[in-house]
Amino acid sequence: ILNGISSAKVVVPILLLSAILVAFAPEEFVGIA
């Protein structure tokens, strides 16, 4: 909000990072997360 950044520029990288972490995290933690 303070820097006028669009939501897409924030959400997409977070989703990509989440996908990467899912590949390395124990399976039981994926559902819990």
PDB file of all heavy atoms in Angstrom:
ATOM      1  N   ILE A   1       0.832  -1.208   0.000  1.00  0.00           N
ATOM      2  CA  ILE A   1       0.000   0.000   0.000  1.00  0.00           C
ATOM      3  C   ILE A   1       0.865   1.255   0.000  1.00  0.00           C
ATOM      4  O   ILE A   1       0.622   2.196  -0.764  1.00  0.00           O
ATOM      5  CB  ILE A   1      -0.937  -0.005   1.226  1.00  0.00           C
ATOM      6  CG1 ILE A   1      -1.956  -1.148   1.107  1.00  0.00           C
ATOM      7  CG2 ILE A   1      -1.665   1.332   1.348  1.00  0.00           C
ATOM      8  CD1 ILE A   1      -2.804  -1.344   2.343  1.00  0.00           C
ATOM      9  N   LEU A   2       1.882   1.281   0.843  1.00  0.00           N
ATOM     10  CA  LEU A   2       2.723   2.474   0.969  1.00  0.00           C
ATOM     11  C   LEU A   2       3.482   2.784  -0.315  1.00  0.00           C
ATOM     12  O   LEU A   2       3.779   3.953  -0.599  1.00  0.00           O
ATOM     13  CB  LEU A   2       3.716   2.287   2.117  1.00  0.00           C
ATOM     14  CG  LEU A   2       3.120   2.266   3.534  1.00  0.00           C
ATOM     15  CD1 LEU A   2       4.175   1.863   4.556  1.00  0.00           C
ATOM     16  CD2 LEU A   2       2.526   3.629   3.886  1.00  0.00           C
ATOM     17  N   ASN A   3       3.795   1.748  -1.095  1.00  0.00           N
ATOM     18  CA  ASN A   3       4.608   1.952  -2.293  1.00  0.00           C
ATOM     19  C   ASN A   3       3.819   1.780  -3.588  1.00  0.00           C
ATOM     20  O   ASN A   3       4.410   1.805  -4.672  1.00  0.00           O
ATOM     21  CB  ASN A   3       5.794   0.982  -2.286  1.00  0.00           C
ATOM     22  CG  ASN A   3       6.769   1.274  -1.156  1.00  0.00           C
ATOM     23  OD1 ASN A   3       7.623   2.147  -1.260  1.00  0.00           O
ATOM     24  ND2 ASN A   3       6.622   0.540  -0.056  1.00  0.00           N
ATOM     25  N   GLY A   4       2.506   1.607  -3.475  1.00  0.00           N
ATOM     26  CA  GLY A   4       1.673   1.517  -4.668  1.00  0.00           C
ATOM     27  C   GLY A   4       1.976   0.326  -5.553  1.00  0.00           C
ATOM     28  O   GLY A   4       1.872   0.410  -6.781  1.00  0.00           O
ATOM     29  N   ILE A   5       2.343  -0.795  -4.956  1.00  0.00           N
ATOM     30  CA  ILE A   5       2.669  -2.003  -5.717  1.00  0.00           C
ATOM     31  C   ILE A   5       1.395  -2.794  -5.977  1.00  0.00           C
ATOM     32  O   ILE A   5       0.565  -2.964  -5.071  1.00  0.00           O
ATOM     33  CB  ILE A   5       3.686  -2.868  -4.945  1.00  0.00           C
ATOM     34  CG1 ILE A   5       4.953  -2.056  -4.659  1.00  0.00           C
ATOM     35  CG2 ILE A   5       4.021  -4.129  -5.716  1.00  0.00           C
ATOM     36  CD1 ILE A   5       5.935  -2.770  -3.759  1.00  0.00           C
ATOM     37  N   SER A   6       1.239  -3.303  -7.172  1.00  0.00           N
ATOM     38  CA  SER A   6       0.048  -4.081  -7.504  1.00  0.00           C
ATOM     39  C   SER A   6       0.070  -5.421  -6.778  1.00  0.00           C
ATOM     40  O   SER A   6       1.142  -5.968  -6.469  1.00  0.00           O
ATOM     41  CB  SER A   6      -0.038  -4.317  -9.011  1.00  0.00           C
ATOM     42  OG  SER A   6       1.013  -5.152  -9.450  1.00  0.00           O
ATOM     43  N   SER A   7      -1.112  -5.945  -6.515  1.00  0.00           N
ATOM     44  CA  SER A   7      -1.213  -7.212  -5.779  1.00  0.00           C
ATOM     45  C   SER A   7      -0.555  -8.361  -6.526  1.00  0.00           C
ATOM     46  O   SER A   7       0.063  -9.242  -5.922  1.00  0.00           O
ATOM     47  CB  SER A   7      -2.690  -7.537  -5.516  1.00  0.00           C
ATOM     48  OG  SER A   7      -3.289  -6.557  -4.684  1.00  0.00           O
ATOM     49  N   ALA A   8      -0.669  -8.365  -7.857  1.00  0.00           N
ATOM     50  CA  ALA A   8      -0.104  -9.461  -8.654  1.00  0.00           C
ATOM     51  C   ALA A   8       1.402  -9.562  -8.470  1.00  0.00           C
ATOM     52  O   ALA A   8       1.963 -10.664  -8.397  1.00  0.00           O
ATOM     53  CB  ALA A   8      -0.447  -9.270 -10.124  1.00  0.00           C
ATOM     54  N   LYS A   9       2.077  -8.416  -8.386  1.00  0.00           N
ATOM     55  CA  LYS A   9       3.529  -8.422  -8.242  1.00  0.00           C
ATOM     56  C   LYS A   9       3.974  -8.949  -6.876  1.00  0.00           C
ATOM     57  O   LYS A   9       5.143  -9.287  -6.698  1.00  0.00           O
ATOM     58  CB  LYS A   9       4.074  -7.010  -8.458  1.00  0.00           C
ATOM     59  CG  LYS A   9       3.919  -6.505  -9.894  1.00  0.00           C
ATOM     60  CD  LYS A   9       4.502  -5.116 -10.048  1.00  0.00           C
ATOM     61  CE  LYS A   9       4.365  -4.620 -11.484  1.00  0.00           C
ATOM     62  NZ  LYS A   9       4.910  -3.250 -11.671  1.00  0.00           N
ATOM     63  N   VAL A  10       3.043  -9.001  -5.940  1.00  0.00           N
ATOM     64  CA  VAL A  10       3.364  -9.505  -4.605  1.00  0.00           C
ATOM     65  C   VAL A  10       2.914 -10.953  -4.449  1.00  0.00           C
ATOM     66  O   VAL A  10       3.651 -11.797  -3.935  1.00  0.00           O
ATOM     67  CB  VAL A  10       2.692  -8.625  -3.527  1.00  0.00           C
ATOM     68  CG1 VAL A  10       2.927  -9.209  -2.142  1.00  0.00           C
ATOM     69  CG2 VAL A  10       3.226  -7.200  -3.592  1.00  0.00           C
ATOM     70  N   VAL A  11       1.709 -11.242  -4.915  1.00  0.00           N
ATOM     71  CA  VAL A  11       1.123 -12.561  -4.701  1.00  0.00           C
ATOM     72  C   VAL A  11       1.833 -13.644  -5.508  1.00  0.00           C
ATOM     73  O   VAL A  11       2.122 -14.734  -4.988  1.00  0.00           O
ATOM     74  CB  VAL A  11      -0.383 -12.541  -5.041  1.00  0.00           C
ATOM     75  CG1 VAL A  11      -0.965 -13.948  -4.996  1.00  0.00           C
ATOM     76  CG2 VAL A  11      -1.131 -11.623  -4.077  1.00  0.00           C
ATOM     77  N   VAL A  12       2.121 -13.360  -6.767  1.00  0.00           N
ATOM     78  CA  VAL A  12       2.729 -14.378  -7.638  1.00  0.00           C
ATOM     79  C   VAL A  12       4.061 -14.877  -7.086  1.00  0.00           C
ATOM     80  O   VAL A  12       4.288 -16.097  -6.996  1.00  0.00           O
ATOM     81  CB  VAL A  12       2.882 -13.847  -9.076  1.00  0.00           C
ATOM     82  CG1 VAL A  12       3.695 -14.827  -9.925  1.00  0.00           C
ATOM     83  CG2 VAL A  12       1.511 -13.621  -9.707  1.00  0.00           C
ATOM     84  N   PRO A  13       4.995 -14.001  -6.687  1.00  0.00           N
ATOM     85  CA  PRO A  13       6.251 -14.504  -6.109  1.00  0.00           C
ATOM     86  C   PRO A  13       6.039 -15.328  -4.843  1.00  0.00           C
ATOM     87  O   PRO A  13       6.756 -16.318  -4.612  1.00  0.00           O
ATOM     88  CB  PRO A  13       7.046 -13.226  -5.807  1.00  0.00           C
ATOM     89  CG  PRO A  13       6.498 -12.210  -6.752  1.00  0.00           C
ATOM     90  CD  PRO A  13       5.042 -12.532  -6.860  1.00  0.00           C
ATOM     91  N   ILE A  14       5.059 -14.932  -4.002  1.00  0.00           N
ATOM     92  CA  ILE A  14       4.797 -15.692  -2.780  1.00  0.00           C
ATOM     93  C   ILE A  14       4.288 -17.091  -3.117  1.00  0.00           C
ATOM     94  O   ILE A  14       4.690 -18.082  -2.502  1.00  0.00           O
ATOM     95  CB  ILE A  14       3.778 -14.943  -1.892  1.00  0.00           C
ATOM     96  CG1 ILE A  14       4.391 -13.640  -1.367  1.00  0.00           C
ATOM     97  CG2 ILE A  14       3.340 -15.818  -0.725  1.00  0.00           C
ATOM     98  CD1 ILE A  14       3.446 -12.811  -0.538  1.00  0.00           C
ATOM     99  N   LEU A  15       3.411 -17.174  -4.110  1.00  0.00           N
ATOM    100  CA  LEU A  15       2.901 -18.476  -4.520  1.00  0.00           C
ATOM    101  C   LEU A  15       4.011 -19.358  -5.082  1.00  0.00           C
ATOM    102  O   LEU A  15       4.066 -20.565  -4.808  1.00  0.00           O
ATOM    103  CB  LEU A  15       1.790 -18.296  -5.558  1.00  0.00           C
ATOM    104  CG  LEU A  15       0.486 -17.659  -5.042  1.00  0.00           C
ATOM    105  CD1 LEU A  15      -0.488 -17.461  -6.186  1.00  0.00           C
ATOM    106  CD2 LEU A  15      -0.143 -18.531  -3.951  1.00  0.00           C
ATOM    107  N   LEU A  16       4.906 -18.759  -5.859  1.00  0.00           N
ATOM    108  CA  LEU A  16       6.029 -19.522  -6.404  1.00  0.00           C
ATOM    109  C   LEU A  16       6.945 -20.012  -5.284  1.00  0.00           C
ATOM    110  O   LEU A  16       7.401 -21.162  -5.302  1.00  0.00           O
ATOM    111  CB  LEU A  16       6.819 -18.656  -7.392  1.00  0.00           C
ATOM    112  CG  LEU A  16       6.102 -18.307  -8.708  1.00  0.00           C
ATOM    113  CD1 LEU A  16       6.948 -17.352  -9.537  1.00  0.00           C
ATOM    114  CD2 LEU A  16       5.797 -19.575  -9.500  1.00  0.00           C
ATOM    115  N   LEU A  17       7.210 -19.147  -4.310  1.00  0.00           N
ATOM    116  CA  LEU A  17       8.034 -19.532  -3.168  1.00  0.00           C
ATOM    117  C   LEU A  17       7.356 -20.647  -2.373  1.00  0.00           C
ATOM    118  O   LEU A  17       8.020 -21.587  -1.906  1.00  0.00           O
ATOM    119  CB  LEU A  17       8.300 -18.324  -2.276  1.00  0.00           C
ATOM    120  CG  LEU A  17       9.150 -18.568  -1.019  1.00  0.00           C
ATOM    121  CD1 LEU A  17      10.507 -19.147  -1.384  1.00  0.00           C
ATOM    122  CD2 LEU A  17       9.312 -17.272  -0.225  1.00  0.00           C
ATOM    123  N   SER A  18       6.028 -20.554  -2.235  1.00  0.00           N
ATOM    124  CA  SER A  18       5.284 -21.597  -1.528  1.00  0.00           C
ATOM    125  C   SER A  18       5.436 -22.936  -2.234  1.00  0.00           C
ATOM    126  O   SER A  18       5.623 -23.974  -1.587  1.00  0.00           O
ATOM    127  CB  SER A  18       3.802 -21.219  -1.427  1.00  0.00           C
ATOM    128  OG  SER A  18       3.621 -20.024  -0.712  1.00  0.00           O
ATOM    129  N   ALA A  19       5.335 -22.914  -3.566  1.00  0.00           N
ATOM    130  CA  ALA A  19       5.476 -24.152  -4.338  1.00  0.00           C
ATOM    131  C   ALA A  19       6.855 -24.775  -4.150  1.00  0.00           C
ATOM    132  O   ALA A  19       6.993 -25.999  -4.045  1.00  0.00           O
ATOM    133  CB  ALA A  19       5.217 -23.871  -5.817  1.00  0.00           C
ATOM    134  N   ILE A  20       7.868 -23.927  -4.088  1.00  0.00           N
ATOM    135  CA  ILE A  20       9.232 -24.430  -3.877  1.00  0.00           C
ATOM    136  C   ILE A  20       9.367 -25.051  -2.492  1.00  0.00           C
ATOM    137  O   ILE A  20       9.938 -26.139  -2.320  1.00  0.00           O
ATOM    138  CB  ILE A  20      10.256 -23.292  -4.062  1.00  0.00           C
ATOM    139  CG1 ILE A  20      10.251 -22.809  -5.525  1.00  0.00           C
ATOM    140  CG2 ILE A  20      11.653 -23.750  -3.656  1.00  0.00           C
ATOM    141  CD1 ILE A  20      11.084 -21.566  -5.761  1.00  0.00           C
ATOM    142  N   LEU A  21       8.823 -24.372  -1.480  1.00  0.00           N
ATOM    143  CA  LEU A  21       8.917 -24.884  -0.108  1.00  0.00           C
ATOM    144  C   LEU A  21       8.142 -26.186   0.052  1.00  0.00           C
ATOM    145  O   LEU A  21       8.550 -27.068   0.813  1.00  0.00           O
ATOM    146  CB  LEU A  21       8.395 -23.827   0.880  1.00  0.00           C
ATOM    147  CG  LEU A  21       9.244 -22.564   1.017  1.00  0.00           C
ATOM    148  CD1 LEU A  21       8.564 -21.565   1.940  1.00  0.00           C
ATOM    149  CD2 LEU A  21      10.633 -22.901   1.539  1.00  0.00           C
ATOM    150  N   VAL A  22       7.007 -26.303  -0.648  1.00  0.00           N
ATOM    151  CA  VAL A  22       6.219 -27.533  -0.585  1.00  0.00           C
ATOM    152  C   VAL A  22       7.049 -28.733  -1.034  1.00  0.00           C
ATOM    153  O   VAL A  22       6.932 -29.836  -0.488  1.00  0.00           O
ATOM    154  CB  VAL A  22       4.941 -27.405  -1.449  1.00  0.00           C
ATOM    155  CG1 VAL A  22       4.312 -28.776  -1.702  1.00  0.00           C
ATOM    156  CG2 VAL A  22       3.930 -26.490  -0.776  1.00  0.00           C
ATOM    157  N   ALA A  23       7.906 -28.515  -2.009  1.00  0.00           N
ATOM    158  CA  ALA A  23       8.731 -29.610  -2.537  1.00  0.00           C
ATOM    159  C   ALA A  23       9.755 -30.101  -1.517  1.00  0.00           C
ATOM    160  O   ALA A  23      10.194 -31.253  -1.593  1.00  0.00           O
ATOM    161  CB  ALA A  23       9.437 -29.150  -3.808  1.00  0.00           C
ATOM    162  N   PHE A  24      10.124 -29.244  -0.569  1.00  0.00           N
ATOM    163  CA  PHE A  24      11.168 -29.613   0.394  1.00  0.00           C
ATOM    164  C   PHE A  24      10.625 -29.916   1.787  1.00  0.00           C
ATOM    165  O   PHE A  24      11.299 -30.557   2.584  1.00  0.00           O
ATOM    166  CB  PHE A  24      12.196 -28.481   0.500  1.00  0.00           C
ATOM    167  CG  PHE A  24      13.026 -28.293  -0.737  1.00  0.00           C
ATOM    168  CD1 PHE A  24      12.677 -27.350  -1.689  1.00  0.00           C
ATOM    169  CD2 PHE A  24      14.151 -29.077  -0.973  1.00  0.00           C
ATOM    170  CE1 PHE A  24      13.428 -27.173  -2.841  1.00  0.00           C
ATOM    171  CE2 PHE A  24      14.909 -28.911  -2.114  1.00  0.00           C
ATOM    172  CZ  PHE A  24      14.554 -27.969  -3.058  1.00  0.00           C
ATOM    173  N   ALA A  25       9.422 -29.456   2.082  1.00  0.00           N
ATOM    174  CA  ALA A  25       8.862 -29.648   3.418  1.00  0.00           C
ATOM    175  C   ALA A  25       8.311 -31.063   3.589  1.00  0.00           C
ATOM    176  O   ALA A  25       7.874 -31.686   2.618  1.00  0.00           O
ATOM    177  CB  ALA A  25       7.751 -28.634   3.675  1.00  0.00           C
ATOM    178  N   PRO A  26       8.334 -31.608   4.805  1.00  0.00           N
ATOM    179  CA  PRO A  26       7.710 -32.908   5.064  1.00  0.00           C
ATOM    180  C   PRO A  26       6.235 -32.875   4.686  1.00  0.00           C
ATOM    181  O   PRO A  26       5.567 -31.853   4.874  1.00  0.00           O
ATOM    182  CB  PRO A  26       7.898 -33.093   6.579  1.00  0.00           C
ATOM    183  CG  PRO A  26       9.079 -32.246   6.917  1.00  0.00           C
ATOM    184  CD  PRO A  26       9.002 -31.067   6.002  1.00  0.00           C
ATOM    185  N   GLU A  27       5.726 -33.969   4.183  1.00  0.00           N
ATOM    186  CA  GLU A  27       4.367 -33.997   3.649  1.00  0.00           C
ATOM    187  C   GLU A  27       3.323 -33.608   4.682  1.00  0.00           C
ATOM    188  O   GLU A  27       2.341 -32.942   4.356  1.00  0.00           O
ATOM    189  CB  GLU A  27       4.060 -35.394   3.106  1.00  0.00           C
ATOM    190  CG  GLU A  27       2.719 -35.483   2.389  1.00  0.00           C
ATOM    191  CD  GLU A  27       2.503 -36.825   1.756  1.00  0.00           C
ATOM    192  OE1 GLU A  27       3.446 -37.651   1.752  1.00  0.00           O
ATOM    193  OE2 GLU A  27       1.390 -37.074   1.259  1.00  0.00           O
ATOM    194  N   GLU A  28       3.525 -34.021   5.934  1.00  0.00           N
ATOM    195  CA  GLU A  28       2.521 -33.719   6.952  1.00  0.00           C
ATOM    196  C   GLU A  28       2.415 -32.226   7.224  1.00  0.00           C
ATOM    197  O   GLU A  28       1.352 -31.727   7.611  1.00  0.00           O
ATOM    198  CB  GLU A  28       2.831 -34.459   8.260  1.00  0.00           C
ATOM    199  CG  GLU A  28       4.152 -34.101   8.915  1.00  0.00           C
ATOM    200  CD  GLU A  28       5.295 -34.988   8.453  1.00  0.00           C
ATOM    201  OE1 GLU A  28       5.169 -35.605   7.372  1.00  0.00           O
ATOM    202  OE2 GLU A  28       6.310 -35.063   9.166  1.00  0.00           O
ATOM    203  N   PHE A  29       3.493 -31.491   7.008  1.00  0.00           N
ATOM    204  CA  PHE A  29       3.464 -30.060   7.257  1.00  0.00           C
ATOM    205  C   PHE A  29       2.768 -29.290   6.137  1.00  0.00           C
ATOM    206  O   PHE A  29       2.342 -28.152   6.344  1.00  0.00           O
ATOM    207  CB  PHE A  29       4.886 -29.513   7.449  1.00  0.00           C
ATOM    208  CG  PHE A  29       5.393 -29.650   8.850  1.00  0.00           C
ATOM    209  CD1 PHE A  29       6.057 -30.788   9.255  1.00  0.00           C
ATOM    210  CD2 PHE A  29       5.192 -28.638   9.775  1.00  0.00           C
ATOM    211  CE1 PHE A  29       6.532 -30.927  10.550  1.00  0.00           C
ATOM    212  CE2 PHE A  29       5.661 -28.751  11.072  1.00  0.00           C
ATOM    213  CZ  PHE A  29       6.329 -29.915  11.467  1.00  0.00           C
ATOM    214  N   VAL A  30       2.662 -29.880   4.959  1.00  0.00           N
ATOM    215  CA  VAL A  30       2.013 -29.197   3.840  1.00  0.00           C
ATOM    216  C   VAL A  30       0.535 -28.988   4.140  1.00  0.00           C
ATOM    217  O   VAL A  30      -0.003 -27.881   4.020  1.00  0.00           O
ATOM    218  CB  VAL A  30       2.195 -29.997   2.534  1.00  0.00           C
ATOM    219  CG1 VAL A  30       1.424 -29.320   1.397  1.00  0.00           C
ATOM    220  CG2 VAL A  30       3.674 -30.114   2.181  1.00  0.00           C
ATOM    221  N   GLY A  31      -0.136 -30.064   4.543  1.00  0.00           N
ATOM    222  CA  GLY A  31      -1.551 -29.938   4.888  1.00  0.00           C
ATOM    223  C   GLY A  31      -1.769 -29.022   6.074  1.00  0.00           C
ATOM    224  O   GLY A  31      -2.705 -28.214   6.086  1.00  0.00           O
ATOM    225  N   ILE A  32      -0.906 -29.141   7.082  1.00  0.00           N
ATOM    226  CA  ILE A  32      -1.029 -28.290   8.268  1.00  0.00           C
ATOM    227  C   ILE A  32      -0.866 -26.822   7.894  1.00  0.00           C
ATOM    228  O   ILE A  32      -1.594 -25.952   8.394  1.00  0.00           O
ATOM    229  CB  ILE A  32       0.022 -28.696   9.320  1.00  0.00           C
ATOM    230  CG1 ILE A  32      -0.283 -30.097   9.857  1.00  0.00           C
ATOM    231  CG2 ILE A  32       0.062 -27.692  10.465  1.00  0.00           C
ATOM    232  CD1 ILE A  32       0.797 -30.657  10.760  1.00  0.00           C
ATOM    233  N   ALA A  33       0.079 -26.524   7.004  1.00  0.00           N
ATOM    234  CA  ALA A  33       0.339 -25.137   6.609  1.00  0.00           C
ATOM    235  C   ALA A  33      -0.891 -24.498   5.983  1.00  0.00           C
ATOM    236  O   ALA A  33      -1.269 -23.365   6.330  1.00  0.00           O
ATOM    237  CB  ALA A  33       1.520 -25.091   5.634  1.00  0.00           C
TER     238      ALA A  33
END
